[in-house]
Amino acid sequence: LPPEIDGVLVMLADMPCLRPEHLARLMAAFTETGGVVVPFYQAR
């Protein structure tokens, strides 16, 4: 990874339904909180 980054999105290449807006929501939460940002859907 580049040395200057603040965080990394670890993506699995076999998840073709992901869209940029999913990533954008995670990034916004990271900018707001600085925590480990995890997506959930219906408690999963």
PDB file of all heavy atoms in Angstrom:
ATOM      1  N   LEU A   1       0.820  -1.209   0.000  1.00  0.00           N
ATOM      2  CA  LEU A   1       0.000   0.000   0.000  1.00  0.00           C
ATOM      3  C   LEU A   1       0.856   1.262   0.000  1.00  0.00           C
ATOM      4  O   LEU A   1       1.946   1.283   0.564  1.00  0.00           O
ATOM      5  CB  LEU A   1      -0.920   0.001   1.227  1.00  0.00           C
ATOM      6  CG  LEU A   1      -2.027  -1.051   1.250  1.00  0.00           C
ATOM      7  CD1 LEU A   1      -2.715  -1.068   2.610  1.00  0.00           C
ATOM      8  CD2 LEU A   1      -3.045  -0.786   0.139  1.00  0.00           C
ATOM      9  N   PRO A   2       0.350   2.336  -0.603  1.00  0.00           N
ATOM     10  CA  PRO A   2       1.076   3.610  -0.568  1.00  0.00           C
ATOM     11  C   PRO A   2       1.274   4.068   0.870  1.00  0.00           C
ATOM     12  O   PRO A   2       0.391   3.897   1.713  1.00  0.00           O
ATOM     13  CB  PRO A   2       0.142   4.565  -1.333  1.00  0.00           C
ATOM     14  CG  PRO A   2      -0.723   3.683  -2.166  1.00  0.00           C
ATOM     15  CD  PRO A   2      -0.900   2.419  -1.385  1.00  0.00           C
ATOM     16  N   PRO A   3       2.420   4.658   1.175  1.00  0.00           N
ATOM     17  CA  PRO A   3       2.729   5.007   2.566  1.00  0.00           C
ATOM     18  C   PRO A   3       1.893   6.144   3.132  1.00  0.00           C
ATOM     19  O   PRO A   3       1.799   6.289   4.355  1.00  0.00           O
ATOM     20  CB  PRO A   3       4.210   5.405   2.505  1.00  0.00           C
ATOM     21  CG  PRO A   3       4.420   5.842   1.096  1.00  0.00           C
ATOM     22  CD  PRO A   3       3.531   4.966   0.265  1.00  0.00           C
ATOM     23  N   GLU A   4       1.262   6.934   2.257  1.00  0.00           N
ATOM     24  CA  GLU A   4       0.584   8.135   2.743  1.00  0.00           C
ATOM     25  C   GLU A   4      -0.895   7.938   3.033  1.00  0.00           C
ATOM     26  O   GLU A   4      -1.572   8.877   3.464  1.00  0.00           O
ATOM     27  CB  GLU A   4       0.737   9.272   1.719  1.00  0.00           C
ATOM     28  CG  GLU A   4      -0.040   9.065   0.422  1.00  0.00           C
ATOM     29  CD  GLU A   4       0.670   8.191  -0.594  1.00  0.00           C
ATOM     30  OE1 GLU A   4       1.740   7.645  -0.269  1.00  0.00           O
ATOM     31  OE2 GLU A   4       0.149   8.057  -1.731  1.00  0.00           O
ATOM     32  N   ILE A   5      -1.438   6.737   2.849  1.00  0.00           N
ATOM     33  CA  ILE A   5      -2.878   6.575   3.009  1.00  0.00           C
ATOM     34  C   ILE A   5      -3.272   6.438   4.476  1.00  0.00           C
ATOM     35  O   ILE A   5      -2.478   6.042   5.328  1.00  0.00           O
ATOM     36  CB  ILE A   5      -3.412   5.372   2.203  1.00  0.00           C
ATOM     37  CG1 ILE A   5      -2.864   4.063   2.762  1.00  0.00           C
ATOM     38  CG2 ILE A   5      -3.118   5.522   0.735  1.00  0.00           C
ATOM     39  CD1 ILE A   5      -3.610   2.868   2.244  1.00  0.00           C
ATOM     40  N   ASP A   6      -4.535   6.768   4.758  1.00  0.00           N
ATOM     41  CA  ASP A   6      -5.090   6.697   6.111  1.00  0.00           C
ATOM     42  C   ASP A   6      -5.825   5.396   6.382  1.00  0.00           C
ATOM     43  O   ASP A   6      -6.000   5.000   7.541  1.00  0.00           O
ATOM     44  CB  ASP A   6      -6.074   7.854   6.340  1.00  0.00           C
ATOM     45  CG  ASP A   6      -5.418   9.211   6.184  1.00  0.00           C
ATOM     46  OD1 ASP A   6      -4.299   9.379   6.684  1.00  0.00           O
ATOM     47  OD2 ASP A   6      -6.024  10.091   5.543  1.00  0.00           O
ATOM     48  N   GLY A   7      -6.313   4.747   5.325  1.00  0.00           N
ATOM     49  CA  GLY A   7      -7.089   3.529   5.509  1.00  0.00           C
ATOM     50  C   GLY A   7      -7.165   2.736   4.222  1.00  0.00           C
ATOM     51  O   GLY A   7      -6.853   3.250   3.140  1.00  0.00           O
ATOM     52  N   VAL A   8      -7.592   1.478   4.345  1.00  0.00           N
ATOM     53  CA  VAL A   8      -7.697   0.622   3.164  1.00  0.00           C
ATOM     54  C   VAL A   8      -9.017  -0.146   3.183  1.00  0.00           C
ATOM     55  O   VAL A   8      -9.417  -0.692   4.210  1.00  0.00           O
ATOM     56  CB  VAL A   8      -6.509  -0.361   3.082  1.00  0.00           C
ATOM     57  CG1 VAL A   8      -6.457  -1.306   4.282  1.00  0.00           C
ATOM     58  CG2 VAL A   8      -6.562  -1.156   1.782  1.00  0.00           C
ATOM     59  N   LEU A   9      -9.671  -0.138   2.047  1.00  0.00           N
ATOM     60  CA  LEU A   9     -10.850  -0.969   1.826  1.00  0.00           C
ATOM     61  C   LEU A   9     -10.378  -2.322   1.322  1.00  0.00           C
ATOM     62  O   LEU A   9      -9.818  -2.424   0.226  1.00  0.00           O
ATOM     63  CB  LEU A   9     -11.760  -0.327   0.780  1.00  0.00           C
ATOM     64  CG  LEU A   9     -12.804   0.663   1.243  1.00  0.00           C
ATOM     65  CD1 LEU A   9     -13.296   1.494   0.053  1.00  0.00           C
ATOM     66  CD2 LEU A   9     -13.980  -0.050   1.900  1.00  0.00           C
ATOM     67  N   VAL A  10     -10.575  -3.364   2.103  1.00  0.00           N
ATOM     68  CA  VAL A  10     -10.181  -4.703   1.681  1.00  0.00           C
ATOM     69  C   VAL A  10     -11.371  -5.339   0.954  1.00  0.00           C
ATOM     70  O   VAL A  10     -12.378  -5.697   1.564  1.00  0.00           O
ATOM     71  CB  VAL A  10      -9.743  -5.566   2.869  1.00  0.00           C
ATOM     72  CG1 VAL A  10      -9.394  -6.976   2.397  1.00  0.00           C
ATOM     73  CG2 VAL A  10      -8.542  -4.928   3.563  1.00  0.00           C
ATOM     74  N   MET A  11     -11.227  -5.449  -0.364  1.00  0.00           N
ATOM     75  CA  MET A  11     -12.311  -5.925  -1.217  1.00  0.00           C
ATOM     76  C   MET A  11     -12.020  -7.342  -1.703  1.00  0.00           C
ATOM     77  O   MET A  11     -10.871  -7.688  -1.999  1.00  0.00           O
ATOM     78  CB  MET A  11     -12.476  -4.993  -2.425  1.00  0.00           C
ATOM     79  CG  MET A  11     -12.823  -3.572  -2.080  1.00  0.00           C
ATOM     80  SD  MET A  11     -12.862  -2.470  -3.538  1.00  0.00           S
ATOM     81  CE  MET A  11     -14.159  -3.256  -4.542  1.00  0.00           C
ATOM     82  N   LEU A  12     -13.065  -8.146  -1.811  1.00  0.00           N
ATOM     83  CA  LEU A  12     -12.965  -9.473  -2.403  1.00  0.00           C
ATOM     84  C   LEU A  12     -13.392  -9.363  -3.864  1.00  0.00           C
ATOM     85  O   LEU A  12     -14.448  -8.800  -4.162  1.00  0.00           O
ATOM     86  CB  LEU A  12     -13.850 -10.465  -1.658  1.00  0.00           C
ATOM     87  CG  LEU A  12     -13.678 -10.504  -0.140  1.00  0.00           C
ATOM     88  CD1 LEU A  12     -14.601 -11.556   0.474  1.00  0.00           C
ATOM     89  CD2 LEU A  12     -12.229 -10.776   0.235  1.00  0.00           C
ATOM     90  N   ALA A  13     -12.581  -9.922  -4.751  1.00  0.00           N
ATOM     91  CA  ALA A  13     -12.843  -9.743  -6.184  1.00  0.00           C
ATOM     92  C   ALA A  13     -14.044 -10.528  -6.677  1.00  0.00           C
ATOM     93  O   ALA A  13     -14.470 -10.344  -7.824  1.00  0.00           O
ATOM     94  CB  ALA A  13     -11.603 -10.139  -6.988  1.00  0.00           C
ATOM     95  N   ASP A  14     -14.618 -11.384  -5.831  1.00  0.00           N
ATOM     96  CA  ASP A  14     -15.753 -12.203  -6.265  1.00  0.00           C
ATOM     97  C   ASP A  14     -17.088 -11.683  -5.725  1.00  0.00           C
ATOM     98  O   ASP A  14     -18.018 -12.450  -5.498  1.00  0.00           O
ATOM     99  CB  ASP A  14     -15.558 -13.662  -5.860  1.00  0.00           C
ATOM    100  CG  ASP A  14     -15.499 -13.860  -4.347  1.00  0.00           C
ATOM    101  OD1 ASP A  14     -15.477 -12.849  -3.611  1.00  0.00           O
ATOM    102  OD2 ASP A  14     -15.471 -15.032  -3.900  1.00  0.00           O
ATOM    103  N   MET A  15     -17.182 -10.354  -5.542  1.00  0.00           N
ATOM    104  CA  MET A  15     -18.429  -9.741  -5.067  1.00  0.00           C
ATOM    105  C   MET A  15     -18.915  -8.732  -6.111  1.00  0.00           C
ATOM    106  O   MET A  15     -18.816  -7.515  -5.921  1.00  0.00           O
ATOM    107  CB  MET A  15     -18.214  -9.087  -3.701  1.00  0.00           C
ATOM    108  CG  MET A  15     -17.800 -10.065  -2.623  1.00  0.00           C
ATOM    109  SD  MET A  15     -17.698  -9.324  -0.963  1.00  0.00           S
ATOM    110  CE  MET A  15     -19.435  -9.013  -0.605  1.00  0.00           C
ATOM    111  N   PRO A  16     -19.463  -9.224  -7.215  1.00  0.00           N
ATOM    112  CA  PRO A  16     -19.765  -8.354  -8.359  1.00  0.00           C
ATOM    113  C   PRO A  16     -20.961  -7.428  -8.179  1.00  0.00           C
ATOM    114  O   PRO A  16     -21.173  -6.543  -9.014  1.00  0.00           O
ATOM    115  CB  PRO A  16     -20.020  -9.349  -9.499  1.00  0.00           C
ATOM    116  CG  PRO A  16     -20.531 -10.574  -8.797  1.00  0.00           C
ATOM    117  CD  PRO A  16     -19.755 -10.647  -7.523  1.00  0.00           C
ATOM    118  N   CYS A  17     -21.724  -7.605  -7.127  1.00  0.00           N
ATOM    119  CA  CYS A  17     -22.893  -6.746  -6.926  1.00  0.00           C
ATOM    120  C   CYS A  17     -22.555  -5.430  -6.227  1.00  0.00           C
ATOM    121  O   CYS A  17     -23.410  -4.535  -6.144  1.00  0.00           O
ATOM    122  CB  CYS A  17     -23.974  -7.489  -6.134  1.00  0.00           C
ATOM    123  SG  CYS A  17     -24.623  -8.945  -6.977  1.00  0.00           S
ATOM    124  N   LEU A  18     -21.335  -5.309  -5.711  1.00  0.00           N
ATOM    125  CA  LEU A  18     -20.937  -4.057  -5.061  1.00  0.00           C
ATOM    126  C   LEU A  18     -20.926  -2.914  -6.061  1.00  0.00           C
ATOM    127  O   LEU A  18     -20.505  -3.071  -7.202  1.00  0.00           O
ATOM    128  CB  LEU A  18     -19.546  -4.198  -4.441  1.00  0.00           C
ATOM    129  CG  LEU A  18     -19.435  -5.004  -3.156  1.00  0.00           C
ATOM    130  CD1 LEU A  18     -17.967  -5.151  -2.778  1.00  0.00           C
ATOM    131  CD2 LEU A  18     -20.212  -4.348  -2.024  1.00  0.00           C
ATOM    132  N   ARG A  19     -21.359  -1.753  -5.592  1.00  0.00           N
ATOM    133  CA  ARG A  19     -21.377  -0.551  -6.431  1.00  0.00           C
ATOM    134  C   ARG A  19     -20.583   0.558  -5.747  1.00  0.00           C
ATOM    135  O   ARG A  19     -20.361   0.500  -4.522  1.00  0.00           O
ATOM    136  CB  ARG A  19     -22.827  -0.093  -6.666  1.00  0.00           C
ATOM    137  CG  ARG A  19     -23.711  -1.135  -7.315  1.00  0.00           C
ATOM    138  CD  ARG A  19     -25.099  -0.582  -7.642  1.00  0.00           C
ATOM    139  NE  ARG A  19     -25.811  -0.095  -6.473  1.00  0.00           N
ATOM    140  CZ  ARG A  19     -26.490  -0.857  -5.620  1.00  0.00           C
ATOM    141  NH1 ARG A  19     -26.557  -2.162  -5.799  1.00  0.00           N
ATOM    142  NH2 ARG A  19     -27.122  -0.316  -4.575  1.00  0.00           N
ATOM    143  N   PRO A  20     -20.177   1.557  -6.492  1.00  0.00           N
ATOM    144  CA  PRO A  20     -19.419   2.652  -5.883  1.00  0.00           C
ATOM    145  C   PRO A  20     -20.117   3.281  -4.681  1.00  0.00           C
ATOM    146  O   PRO A  20     -19.454   3.690  -3.723  1.00  0.00           O
ATOM    147  CB  PRO A  20     -19.268   3.648  -7.039  1.00  0.00           C
ATOM    148  CG  PRO A  20     -19.285   2.798  -8.262  1.00  0.00           C
ATOM    149  CD  PRO A  20     -20.262   1.704  -7.964  1.00  0.00           C
ATOM    150  N   GLU A  21     -21.446   3.343  -4.705  1.00  0.00           N
ATOM    151  CA  GLU A  21     -22.150   3.977  -3.589  1.00  0.00           C
ATOM    152  C   GLU A  21     -22.007   3.189  -2.287  1.00  0.00           C
ATOM    153  O   GLU A  21     -22.035   3.776  -1.197  1.00  0.00           O
ATOM    154  CB  GLU A  21     -23.624   4.202  -3.911  1.00  0.00           C
ATOM    155  CG  GLU A  21     -24.362   3.002  -4.443  1.00  0.00           C
ATOM    156  CD  GLU A  21     -24.457   2.989  -5.960  1.00  0.00           C
ATOM    157  OE1 GLU A  21     -23.456   3.336  -6.625  1.00  0.00           O
ATOM    158  OE2 GLU A  21     -25.531   2.611  -6.475  1.00  0.00           O
ATOM    159  N   HIS A  22     -21.831   1.872  -2.375  1.00  0.00           N
ATOM    160  CA  HIS A  22     -21.562   1.100  -1.151  1.00  0.00           C
ATOM    161  C   HIS A  22     -20.227   1.528  -0.548  1.00  0.00           C
ATOM    162  O   HIS A  22     -20.117   1.757   0.661  1.00  0.00           O
ATOM    163  CB  HIS A  22     -21.521  -0.401  -1.464  1.00  0.00           C
ATOM    164  CG  HIS A  22     -22.822  -0.982  -1.901  1.00  0.00           C
ATOM    165  ND1 HIS A  22     -23.040  -1.478  -3.167  1.00  0.00           N
ATOM    166  CD2 HIS A  22     -24.000  -1.144  -1.247  1.00  0.00           C
ATOM    167  CE1 HIS A  22     -24.284  -1.917  -3.273  1.00  0.00           C
ATOM    168  NE2 HIS A  22     -24.886  -1.729  -2.115  1.00  0.00           N
ATOM    169  N   LEU A  23     -19.211   1.606  -1.396  1.00  0.00           N
ATOM    170  CA  LEU A  23     -17.896   2.023  -0.914  1.00  0.00           C
ATOM    171  C   LEU A  23     -17.929   3.442  -0.368  1.00  0.00           C
ATOM    172  O   LEU A  23     -17.298   3.742   0.653  1.00  0.00           O
ATOM    173  CB  LEU A  23     -16.859   1.923  -2.033  1.00  0.00           C
ATOM    174  CG  LEU A  23     -16.725   0.590  -2.775  1.00  0.00           C
ATOM    175  CD1 LEU A  23     -15.498   0.624  -3.673  1.00  0.00           C
ATOM    176  CD2 LEU A  23     -16.675  -0.579  -1.825  1.00  0.00           C
ATOM    177  N   ALA A  24     -18.667   4.317  -1.053  1.00  0.00           N
ATOM    178  CA  ALA A  24     -18.726   5.723  -0.631  1.00  0.00           C
ATOM    179  C   ALA A  24     -19.323   5.850   0.762  1.00  0.00           C
ATOM    180  O   ALA A  24     -18.876   6.686   1.569  1.00  0.00           O
ATOM    181  CB  ALA A  24     -19.530   6.533  -1.639  1.00  0.00           C
ATOM    182  N   ARG A  25     -20.311   5.038   1.098  1.00  0.00           N
ATOM    183  CA  ARG A  25     -20.905   5.097   2.429  1.00  0.00           C
ATOM    184  C   ARG A  25     -19.912   4.651   3.496  1.00  0.00           C
ATOM    185  O   ARG A  25     -19.849   5.230   4.585  1.00  0.00           O
ATOM    186  CB  ARG A  25     -22.163   4.229   2.482  1.00  0.00           C
ATOM    187  CG  ARG A  25     -23.334   4.786   1.678  1.00  0.00           C
ATOM    188  CD  ARG A  25     -24.618   4.048   2.006  1.00  0.00           C
ATOM    189  NE  ARG A  25     -24.973   4.193   3.416  1.00  0.00           N
ATOM    190  CZ  ARG A  25     -25.938   3.512   4.022  1.00  0.00           C
ATOM    191  NH1 ARG A  25     -26.647   2.623   3.323  1.00  0.00           N
ATOM    192  NH2 ARG A  25     -26.209   3.695   5.287  1.00  0.00           N
ATOM    193  N   LEU A  26     -19.136   3.629   3.195  1.00  0.00           N
ATOM    194  CA  LEU A  26     -18.116   3.182   4.141  1.00  0.00           C
ATOM    195  C   LEU A  26     -17.045   4.256   4.320  1.00  0.00           C
ATOM    196  O   LEU A  26     -16.596   4.517   5.449  1.00  0.00           O
ATOM    197  CB  LEU A  26     -17.481   1.886   3.642  1.00  0.00           C
ATOM    198  CG  LEU A  26     -18.434   0.689   3.484  1.00  0.00           C
ATOM    199  CD1 LEU A  26     -17.692  -0.490   2.867  1.00  0.00           C
ATOM    200  CD2 LEU A  26     -19.051   0.295   4.819  1.00  0.00           C
ATOM    201  N   MET A  27     -16.636   4.872   3.232  1.00  0.00           N
ATOM    202  CA  MET A  27     -15.623   5.919   3.307  1.00  0.00           C
ATOM    203  C   MET A  27     -16.108   7.118   4.100  1.00  0.00           C
ATOM    204  O   MET A  27     -15.356   7.710   4.882  1.00  0.00           O
ATOM    205  CB  MET A  27     -15.215   6.324   1.889  1.00  0.00           C
ATOM    206  CG  MET A  27     -14.454   5.232   1.143  1.00  0.00           C
ATOM    207  SD  MET A  27     -14.341   5.537  -0.643  1.00  0.00           S
ATOM    208  CE  MET A  27     -13.443   7.087  -0.672  1.00  0.00           C
ATOM    209  N   ALA A  28     -17.362   7.483   3.940  1.00  0.00           N
ATOM    210  CA  ALA A  28     -17.915   8.616   4.695  1.00  0.00           C
ATOM    211  C   ALA A  28     -17.918   8.310   6.191  1.00  0.00           C
ATOM    212  O   ALA A  28     -17.586   9.172   7.023  1.00  0.00           O
ATOM    213  CB  ALA A  28     -19.326   8.925   4.207  1.00  0.00           C
ATOM    214  N   ALA A  29     -18.271   7.073   6.550  1.00  0.00           N
ATOM    215  CA  ALA A  29     -18.266   6.690   7.964  1.00  0.00           C
ATOM    216  C   ALA A  29     -16.855   6.695   8.527  1.00  0.00           C
ATOM    217  O   ALA A  29     -16.629   7.072   9.682  1.00  0.00           O
ATOM    218  CB  ALA A  29     -18.899   5.313   8.131  1.00  0.00           C
ATOM    219  N   PHE A  30     -15.888   6.296   7.717  1.00  0.00           N
ATOM    220  CA  PHE A  30     -14.498   6.308   8.161  1.00  0.00           C
ATOM    221  C   PHE A  30     -14.008   7.734   8.394  1.00  0.00           C
ATOM    222  O   PHE A  30     -13.350   8.028   9.405  1.00  0.00           O
ATOM    223  CB  PHE A  30     -13.614   5.620   7.128  1.00  0.00           C
ATOM    224  CG  PHE A  30     -12.157   5.616   7.483  1.00  0.00           C
ATOM    225  CD1 PHE A  30     -11.666   4.739   8.437  1.00  0.00           C
ATOM    226  CD2 PHE A  30     -11.284   6.492   6.869  1.00  0.00           C
ATOM    227  CE1 PHE A  30     -10.321   4.740   8.770  1.00  0.00           C
ATOM    228  CE2 PHE A  30      -9.937   6.498   7.193  1.00  0.00           C
ATOM    229  CZ  PHE A  30      -9.455   5.619   8.148  1.00  0.00           C
ATOM    230  N   THR A  31     -14.326   8.623   7.484  1.00  0.00           N
ATOM    231  CA  THR A  31     -13.929  10.019   7.637  1.00  0.00           C
ATOM    232  C   THR A  31     -14.534  10.628   8.899  1.00  0.00           C
ATOM    233  O   THR A  31     -13.903  11.415   9.603  1.00  0.00           O
ATOM    234  CB  THR A  31     -14.351  10.831   6.402  1.00  0.00           C
ATOM    235  OG1 THR A  31     -13.633  10.336   5.265  1.00  0.00           O
ATOM    236  CG2 THR A  31     -14.059  12.305   6.565  1.00  0.00           C
ATOM    237  N   GLU A  32     -15.754  10.213   9.212  1.00  0.00           N
ATOM    238  CA  GLU A  32     -16.453  10.758  10.383  1.00  0.00           C
ATOM    239  C   GLU A  32     -15.940  10.177  11.691  1.00  0.00           C
ATOM    240  O   GLU A  32     -15.868  10.881  12.704  1.00  0.00           O
ATOM    241  CB  GLU A  32     -17.951  10.491  10.263  1.00  0.00           C
ATOM    242  CG  GLU A  32     -18.780  11.043  11.400  1.00  0.00           C
ATOM    243  CD  GLU A  32     -20.259  10.781  11.231  1.00  0.00           C
ATOM    244  OE1 GLU A  32     -20.670  10.370  10.127  1.00  0.00           O
ATOM    245  OE2 GLU A  32     -21.009  10.970  12.198  1.00  0.00           O
ATOM    246  N   THR A  33     -15.554   8.896  11.685  1.00  0.00           N
ATOM    247  CA  THR A  33     -15.264   8.215  12.951  1.00  0.00           C
ATOM    248  C   THR A  33     -13.823   7.759  13.117  1.00  0.00           C
ATOM    249  O   THR A  33     -13.343   7.637  14.245  1.00  0.00           O
ATOM    250  CB  THR A  33     -16.153   6.972  13.098  1.00  0.00           C
ATOM    251  OG1 THR A  33     -15.766   5.997  12.108  1.00  0.00           O
ATOM    252  CG2 THR A  33     -17.622   7.321  12.933  1.00  0.00           C
ATOM    253  N   GLY A  34     -13.151   7.418  12.024  1.00  0.00           N
ATOM    254  CA  GLY A  34     -11.805   6.873  12.123  1.00  0.00           C
ATOM    255  C   GLY A  34     -11.745   5.442  12.616  1.00  0.00           C
ATOM    256  O   GLY A  34     -10.661   4.921  12.891  1.00  0.00           O
ATOM    257  N   GLY A  35     -12.898   4.775  12.733  1.00  0.00           N
ATOM    258  CA  GLY A  35     -12.928   3.406  13.246  1.00  0.00           C
ATOM    259  C   GLY A  35     -12.773   2.366  12.162  1.00  0.00           C
ATOM    260  O   GLY A  35     -12.511   2.668  10.993  1.00  0.00           O
ATOM    261  N   VAL A  36     -12.919   1.100  12.566  1.00  0.00           N
ATOM    262  CA  VAL A  36     -12.932  -0.010  11.618  1.00  0.00           C
ATOM    263  C   VAL A  36     -14.354  -0.088  11.063  1.00  0.00           C
ATOM    264  O   VAL A  36     -15.290  -0.436  11.789  1.00  0.00           O
ATOM    265  CB  VAL A  36     -12.560  -1.340  12.306  1.00  0.00           C
ATOM    266  CG1 VAL A  36     -12.545  -2.472  11.281  1.00  0.00           C
ATOM    267  CG2 VAL A  36     -11.216  -1.225  13.013  1.00  0.00           C
ATOM    268  N   VAL A  37     -14.534   0.236   9.802  1.00  0.00           N
ATOM    269  CA  VAL A  37     -15.878   0.399   9.245  1.00  0.00           C
ATOM    270  C   VAL A  37     -16.304  -0.890   8.548  1.00  0.00           C
ATOM    271  O   VAL A  37     -15.619  -1.389   7.641  1.00  0.00           O
ATOM    272  CB  VAL A  37     -15.924   1.584   8.268  1.00  0.00           C
ATOM    273  CG1 VAL A  37     -17.338   1.763   7.730  1.00  0.00           C
ATOM    274  CG2 VAL A  37     -15.451   2.859   8.958  1.00  0.00           C
ATOM    275  N   VAL A  38     -17.454  -1.416   8.975  1.00  0.00           N
ATOM    276  CA  VAL A  38     -17.931  -2.717   8.511  1.00  0.00           C
ATOM    277  C   VAL A  38     -19.370  -2.581   8.011  1.00  0.00           C
ATOM    278  O   VAL A  38     -20.223  -2.056   8.723  1.00  0.00           O
ATOM    279  CB  VAL A  38     -17.881  -3.763   9.648  1.00  0.00           C
ATOM    280  CG1 VAL A  38     -18.338  -5.121   9.147  1.00  0.00           C
ATOM    281  CG2 VAL A  38     -16.481  -3.841  10.239  1.00  0.00           C
ATOM    282  N   PRO A  39     -19.662  -3.082   6.798  1.00  0.00           N
ATOM    283  CA  PRO A  39     -21.038  -3.034   6.309  1.00  0.00           C
ATOM    284  C   PRO A  39     -21.873  -4.177   6.877  1.00  0.00           C
ATOM    285  O   PRO A  39     -21.371  -5.290   7.075  1.00  0.00           O
ATOM    286  CB  PRO A  39     -20.869  -3.191   4.795  1.00  0.00           C
ATOM    287  CG  PRO A  39     -19.654  -4.045   4.646  1.00  0.00           C
ATOM    288  CD  PRO A  39     -18.745  -3.657   5.796  1.00  0.00           C
ATOM    289  N   PHE A  40     -23.144  -3.884   7.127  1.00  0.00           N
ATOM    290  CA  PHE A  40     -24.089  -4.899   7.590  1.00  0.00           C
ATOM    291  C   PHE A  40     -25.354  -4.816   6.748  1.00  0.00           C
ATOM    292  O   PHE A  40     -25.723  -3.745   6.260  1.00  0.00           O
ATOM    293  CB  PHE A  40     -24.460  -4.678   9.057  1.00  0.00           C
ATOM    294  CG  PHE A  40     -23.445  -5.188  10.038  1.00  0.00           C
ATOM    295  CD1 PHE A  40     -22.271  -4.481  10.283  1.00  0.00           C
ATOM    296  CD2 PHE A  40     -23.653  -6.373  10.714  1.00  0.00           C
ATOM    297  CE1 PHE A  40     -21.335  -4.942  11.180  1.00  0.00           C
ATOM    298  CE2 PHE A  40     -22.721  -6.849  11.630  1.00  0.00           C
ATOM    299  CZ  PHE A  40     -21.557  -6.134  11.859  1.00  0.00           C
ATOM    300  N   TYR A  41     -25.992  -5.960   6.596  1.00  0.00           N
ATOM    301  CA  TYR A  41     -27.313  -5.988   5.979  1.00  0.00           C
ATOM    302  C   TYR A  41     -28.171  -6.968   6.767  1.00  0.00           C
ATOM    303  O   TYR A  41     -27.827  -8.149   6.902  1.00  0.00           O
ATOM    304  CB  TYR A  41     -27.239  -6.413   4.513  1.00  0.00           C
ATOM    305  CG  TYR A  41     -28.601  -6.512   3.860  1.00  0.00           C
ATOM    306  CD1 TYR A  41     -29.345  -5.359   3.608  1.00  0.00           C
ATOM    307  CD2 TYR A  41     -29.143  -7.744   3.510  1.00  0.00           C
ATOM    308  CE1 TYR A  41     -30.598  -5.445   3.027  1.00  0.00           C
ATOM    309  CE2 TYR A  41     -30.388  -7.837   2.922  1.00  0.00           C
ATOM    310  CZ  TYR A  41     -31.124  -6.674   2.685  1.00  0.00           C
ATOM    311  OH  TYR A  41     -32.372  -6.761   2.110  1.00  0.00           O
ATOM    312  N   GLN A  42     -29.248  -6.469   7.330  1.00  0.00           N
ATOM    313  CA  GLN A  42     -30.166  -7.275   8.134  1.00  0.00           C
ATOM    314  C   GLN A  42     -29.406  -8.087   9.189  1.00  0.00           C
ATOM    315  O   GLN A  42     -29.561  -9.302   9.311  1.00  0.00           O
ATOM    316  CB  GLN A  42     -31.008  -8.176   7.234  1.00  0.00           C
ATOM    317  CG  GLN A  42     -31.947  -7.388   6.329  1.00  0.00           C
ATOM    318  CD  GLN A  42     -32.873  -8.262   5.507  1.00  0.00           C
ATOM    319  OE1 GLN A  42     -32.743  -9.489   5.481  1.00  0.00           O
ATOM    320  NE2 GLN A  42     -33.817  -7.632   4.835  1.00  0.00           N
ATOM    321  N   ALA A  43     -28.545  -7.379   9.921  1.00  0.00           N
ATOM    322  CA  ALA A  43     -27.795  -7.920  11.056  1.00  0.00           C
ATOM    323  C   ALA A  43     -26.677  -8.877  10.665  1.00  0.00           C
ATOM    324  O   ALA A  43     -26.023  -9.462  11.539  1.00  0.00           O
ATOM    325  CB  ALA A  43     -28.727  -8.613  12.058  1.00  0.00           C
ATOM    326  N   ARG A  44     -26.416  -9.024   9.378  1.00  0.00           N
ATOM    327  CA  ARG A  44     -25.328  -9.897   8.927  1.00  0.00           C
ATOM    328  C   ARG A  44     -24.145  -9.051   8.472  1.00  0.00           C
ATOM    329  O   ARG A  44     -24.314  -8.101   7.716  1.00  0.00           O
ATOM    330  CB  ARG A  44     -25.799 -10.802   7.786  1.00  0.00           C
ATOM    331  CG  ARG A  44     -26.862 -11.802   8.194  1.00  0.00           C
ATOM    332  CD  ARG A  44     -27.334 -12.600   6.991  1.00  0.00           C
ATOM    333  NE  ARG A  44     -26.252 -13.367   6.380  1.00  0.00           N
ATOM    334  CZ  ARG A  44     -26.352 -13.977   5.195  1.00  0.00           C
ATOM    335  NH1 ARG A  44     -27.477 -13.882   4.494  1.00  0.00           N
ATOM    336  NH2 ARG A  44     -25.333 -14.654   4.707  1.00  0.00           N
TER     337      ARG A  44
END
